Protein backbone atom coordinates (compact mmCIF):
# COMPACT_ATOMS: atom_id res chain seq x y z
CA MET A 1 79.66 77.75 150.61
CA THR A 2 80.76 78.80 147.12
CA SER A 3 80.45 76.30 144.30
CA TRP A 4 84.26 76.39 144.04
CA ALA A 5 84.48 75.34 147.69
CA ARG A 6 82.01 72.54 147.00
CA THR A 7 84.10 71.44 144.04
CA ILE A 8 87.21 71.29 146.25
CA ALA A 9 85.29 69.46 148.97
CA ASP A 10 84.19 66.86 146.43
CA ASP A 11 87.66 66.60 144.89
CA PRO A 12 90.52 67.89 147.08
CA ASN A 13 92.92 67.51 144.14
CA HIS A 14 90.89 69.71 141.78
CA SER A 15 93.04 72.82 142.23
CA THR A 16 96.24 70.88 141.58
CA TRP A 17 94.65 69.30 138.51
CA TYR A 18 93.67 72.75 137.23
CA VAL A 19 97.19 74.13 137.71
CA GLU A 20 98.71 71.22 135.82
CA ARG A 21 96.10 71.52 133.07
CA MET A 22 96.94 75.20 132.51
CA ARG A 23 100.68 74.50 132.59
CA GLY A 24 100.20 71.65 130.14
CA LEU A 25 98.25 73.81 127.70
CA ALA A 26 100.97 76.46 127.88
CA ALA A 27 103.70 73.87 127.30
CA ASP A 28 101.78 72.61 124.27
CA GLY A 29 101.82 76.10 122.77
CA GLU A 30 98.12 76.81 123.20
CA ASP A 31 97.13 80.48 122.90
CA LEU A 32 96.15 81.42 126.46
CA ALA A 33 96.47 85.20 126.12
CA GLY A 34 93.09 86.13 124.64
CA GLU A 35 91.79 87.81 127.79
CA ALA A 36 95.03 89.76 128.21
CA ARG A 37 94.90 91.05 124.63
CA PHE A 38 91.29 92.06 125.21
CA VAL A 39 92.22 94.09 128.28
CA ALA A 40 95.21 95.62 126.53
CA ALA A 41 92.84 96.93 123.87
CA LEU A 42 90.81 98.71 126.55
CA VAL A 43 93.64 100.51 128.37
CA GLY A 44 96.97 102.12 127.63
CA PRO A 45 100.48 100.70 128.08
CA GLY A 46 101.56 100.47 131.69
CA SER A 47 98.00 100.54 132.99
CA ARG A 48 97.47 99.00 136.40
CA VAL A 49 95.03 96.09 136.19
CA LEU A 50 93.45 93.99 138.92
CA ASP A 51 93.13 90.34 137.94
CA ALA A 52 90.09 89.45 140.06
CA GLY A 53 89.95 85.70 140.57
CA CYS A 54 93.42 85.30 139.10
CA GLY A 55 93.73 81.54 139.64
CA PRO A 56 97.23 80.31 138.76
CA GLY A 57 98.16 83.66 137.20
CA ARG A 58 97.76 82.87 133.51
CA VAL A 59 96.00 86.13 132.61
CA SER A 60 98.24 88.25 134.82
CA GLY A 61 101.35 86.75 133.23
CA ALA A 62 100.06 87.46 129.74
CA MET A 63 99.09 91.02 130.68
CA LYS A 64 102.57 91.68 132.05
CA ALA A 65 104.08 90.39 128.80
CA LEU A 66 101.91 92.91 126.94
CA GLY A 67 103.23 95.82 128.99
CA LEU A 68 100.47 96.13 131.59
CA SER A 69 101.00 96.20 135.35
CA PRO A 70 98.81 93.49 136.92
CA VAL A 71 98.15 92.35 140.46
CA GLY A 72 96.07 89.29 141.27
CA VAL A 73 93.58 88.24 143.94
CA ASP A 74 92.15 84.77 144.40
CA LEU A 75 90.51 82.67 147.09
CA ASP A 76 92.35 79.38 146.44
CA PRO A 77 95.79 79.03 148.12
CA VAL A 78 96.89 76.22 145.79
CA LEU A 79 96.24 78.36 142.73
CA LEU A 80 97.97 81.33 144.34
CA ASP A 81 101.06 79.25 145.15
CA ALA A 82 101.26 78.25 141.49
CA ALA A 83 100.81 81.88 140.38
CA ARG A 84 103.64 83.04 142.63
CA GLU A 85 105.88 80.24 141.41
CA ASP A 86 105.21 80.80 137.72
CA TRP A 87 105.07 84.62 137.78
CA PRO A 88 107.44 85.78 140.57
CA GLY A 89 107.45 89.38 139.34
CA ILE A 90 103.71 89.84 139.93
CA ARG A 91 102.01 90.36 143.28
CA PHE A 92 99.27 87.87 144.16
CA GLU A 93 97.18 88.02 147.34
CA GLN A 94 94.46 85.85 148.85
CA GLY A 95 90.94 87.26 149.13
CA ASP A 96 87.30 86.36 148.62
CA LEU A 97 85.87 88.76 146.03
CA GLY A 98 82.42 88.36 147.53
CA ALA A 99 83.64 89.40 150.99
CA LEU A 100 86.90 91.29 150.58
CA PRO A 101 88.78 92.20 153.77
CA SER A 102 88.72 95.91 154.47
CA GLY A 103 91.66 97.67 152.89
CA LEU A 104 92.90 94.73 150.80
CA LEU A 105 92.46 96.36 147.40
CA GLU A 106 93.85 99.65 148.69
CA SER A 107 96.93 97.77 149.90
CA LEU A 108 97.32 96.42 146.37
CA GLY A 109 97.28 99.93 144.91
CA ALA A 110 93.65 100.77 144.21
CA PRO A 111 92.28 102.65 142.39
CA PHE A 112 93.16 100.61 139.31
CA ASP A 113 92.83 101.53 135.66
CA ALA A 114 90.90 98.35 134.94
CA VAL A 115 89.71 95.03 136.32
CA VAL A 116 89.55 91.72 134.49
CA CYS A 117 87.48 88.86 135.86
CA ALA A 118 87.91 85.79 133.67
CA GLY A 119 87.28 82.07 133.99
CA ASN A 120 83.81 81.67 135.53
CA VAL A 121 84.79 83.50 138.71
CA LEU A 122 81.33 85.03 139.23
CA PRO A 123 79.34 81.80 138.76
CA PHE A 124 81.57 80.08 141.34
CA MET A 125 80.40 82.55 144.01
CA GLU A 126 77.47 82.08 146.36
CA SER A 127 74.22 83.52 145.06
CA GLY A 128 74.13 87.21 145.91
CA ALA A 129 77.88 87.53 146.38
CA GLN A 130 78.30 88.60 142.75
CA ALA A 131 76.58 91.93 143.42
CA ARG A 132 78.88 92.59 146.38
CA ALA A 133 81.94 91.70 144.31
CA LEU A 134 80.93 93.97 141.44
CA ALA A 135 80.36 96.82 143.89
CA ALA A 136 83.77 96.25 145.48
CA LEU A 137 85.43 96.23 142.08
CA PHE A 138 83.61 99.44 141.14
CA ALA A 139 85.03 101.10 144.25
CA ALA A 140 88.52 99.87 143.36
CA VAL A 141 88.65 101.47 139.88
CA ARG A 142 89.36 105.09 139.03
CA ASP A 143 86.76 107.24 137.30
CA GLY A 144 86.76 106.22 133.65
CA GLY A 145 88.26 102.83 134.51
CA ARG A 146 87.15 99.67 132.76
CA LEU A 147 85.80 96.25 133.73
CA ALA A 148 85.99 93.13 131.55
CA VAL A 149 84.17 90.01 132.75
CA GLY A 150 83.80 86.66 130.99
CA PHE A 151 81.91 83.55 132.11
CA GLY A 152 79.61 80.76 131.01
CA THR A 153 75.98 81.80 131.29
CA ASN A 154 74.90 78.17 131.75
CA ARG A 155 76.62 77.88 135.15
CA GLY A 156 73.89 79.26 137.40
CA TYR A 157 74.48 83.00 137.07
CA ALA A 158 72.14 84.37 134.43
CA LEU A 159 73.19 87.06 131.98
CA GLU A 160 70.25 89.26 132.96
CA GLN A 161 71.19 89.05 136.64
CA PHE A 162 74.83 89.82 135.84
CA VAL A 163 73.94 92.96 133.91
CA ALA A 164 71.52 94.06 136.64
CA ASP A 165 74.16 93.48 139.33
CA ALA A 166 76.83 95.36 137.39
CA GLU A 167 74.61 98.32 136.61
CA GLY A 168 73.31 98.31 140.17
CA ALA A 169 76.90 98.67 141.37
CA GLY A 170 77.32 101.74 139.18
CA TRP A 171 79.01 100.24 136.12
CA ARG A 172 77.94 101.57 132.71
CA ARG A 173 77.53 98.79 130.17
CA ASP A 174 79.55 99.37 127.00
CA ALA A 175 79.27 96.06 125.12
CA LEU A 176 78.48 92.37 125.39
CA PHE A 177 80.35 89.81 123.28
CA SER A 178 80.23 86.03 123.00
CA THR A 179 84.02 85.54 123.09
CA TRP A 180 87.20 87.30 124.20
CA GLU A 181 87.84 87.81 120.47
CA MET A 182 84.86 90.21 120.39
CA HIS A 183 82.50 88.08 118.35
CA ALA A 184 78.97 89.44 118.31
CA ARG A 185 76.72 88.02 120.98
CA GLU A 186 73.91 85.77 119.75
CA ASP A 187 70.86 84.56 121.66
CA GLU A 188 72.03 80.94 121.74
CA SER A 189 75.50 81.77 123.03
CA ASP A 190 76.32 80.22 126.41
CA PHE A 191 79.28 82.53 127.09
CA VAL A 192 79.42 86.27 127.66
CA VAL A 193 82.19 88.83 127.80
CA GLY A 194 80.93 92.08 129.25
CA VAL A 195 82.71 95.44 129.06
CA PHE A 196 81.78 98.21 131.47
CA THR A 197 83.09 101.64 132.45
CA ARG A 198 83.07 103.53 135.70
CA ALA A 199 81.51 106.58 134.10
CA LEU A 200 82.87 110.04 134.86
């Protein structure tokens, strides 16, 4: 069982709470587009981007507003319902990144120009599933395509393991930051944003 599934088992209303929290932050004028701006800096206008672990669609919506062409995948049906309601012009599909159904990413238009995986998606997976997910995402990106991943390194998925899993899947590490605003990574930082390329 993933830690997200355990969270939902412990609190069946957690997904609904999360949707309302994100909607509330947006209504209050909070800047929720940092990840989207980051991805837009990595790829050109109109690029096709997979939002892996899209949740309620916040990052996808911001990417679309910046001129990118996103599609989203997530495991949680409550979050996906909210994404479809709030962003009707974007395609969102259900799927477990650690065990993707055969052909799902192809049906969404793979290969993509880039993948973004934001919001502690990898730490929420079962141990070992991260490597499978990173390999699946590698296969879903064109040669020269990019990967941007951000998560808290104090949530059970160590930075060293993440880098090893990504490089083991074939990704070439380009940079590690401590924020989506590209601040330099420091040893005491408990958050990482990693940028990788599917090398030619």
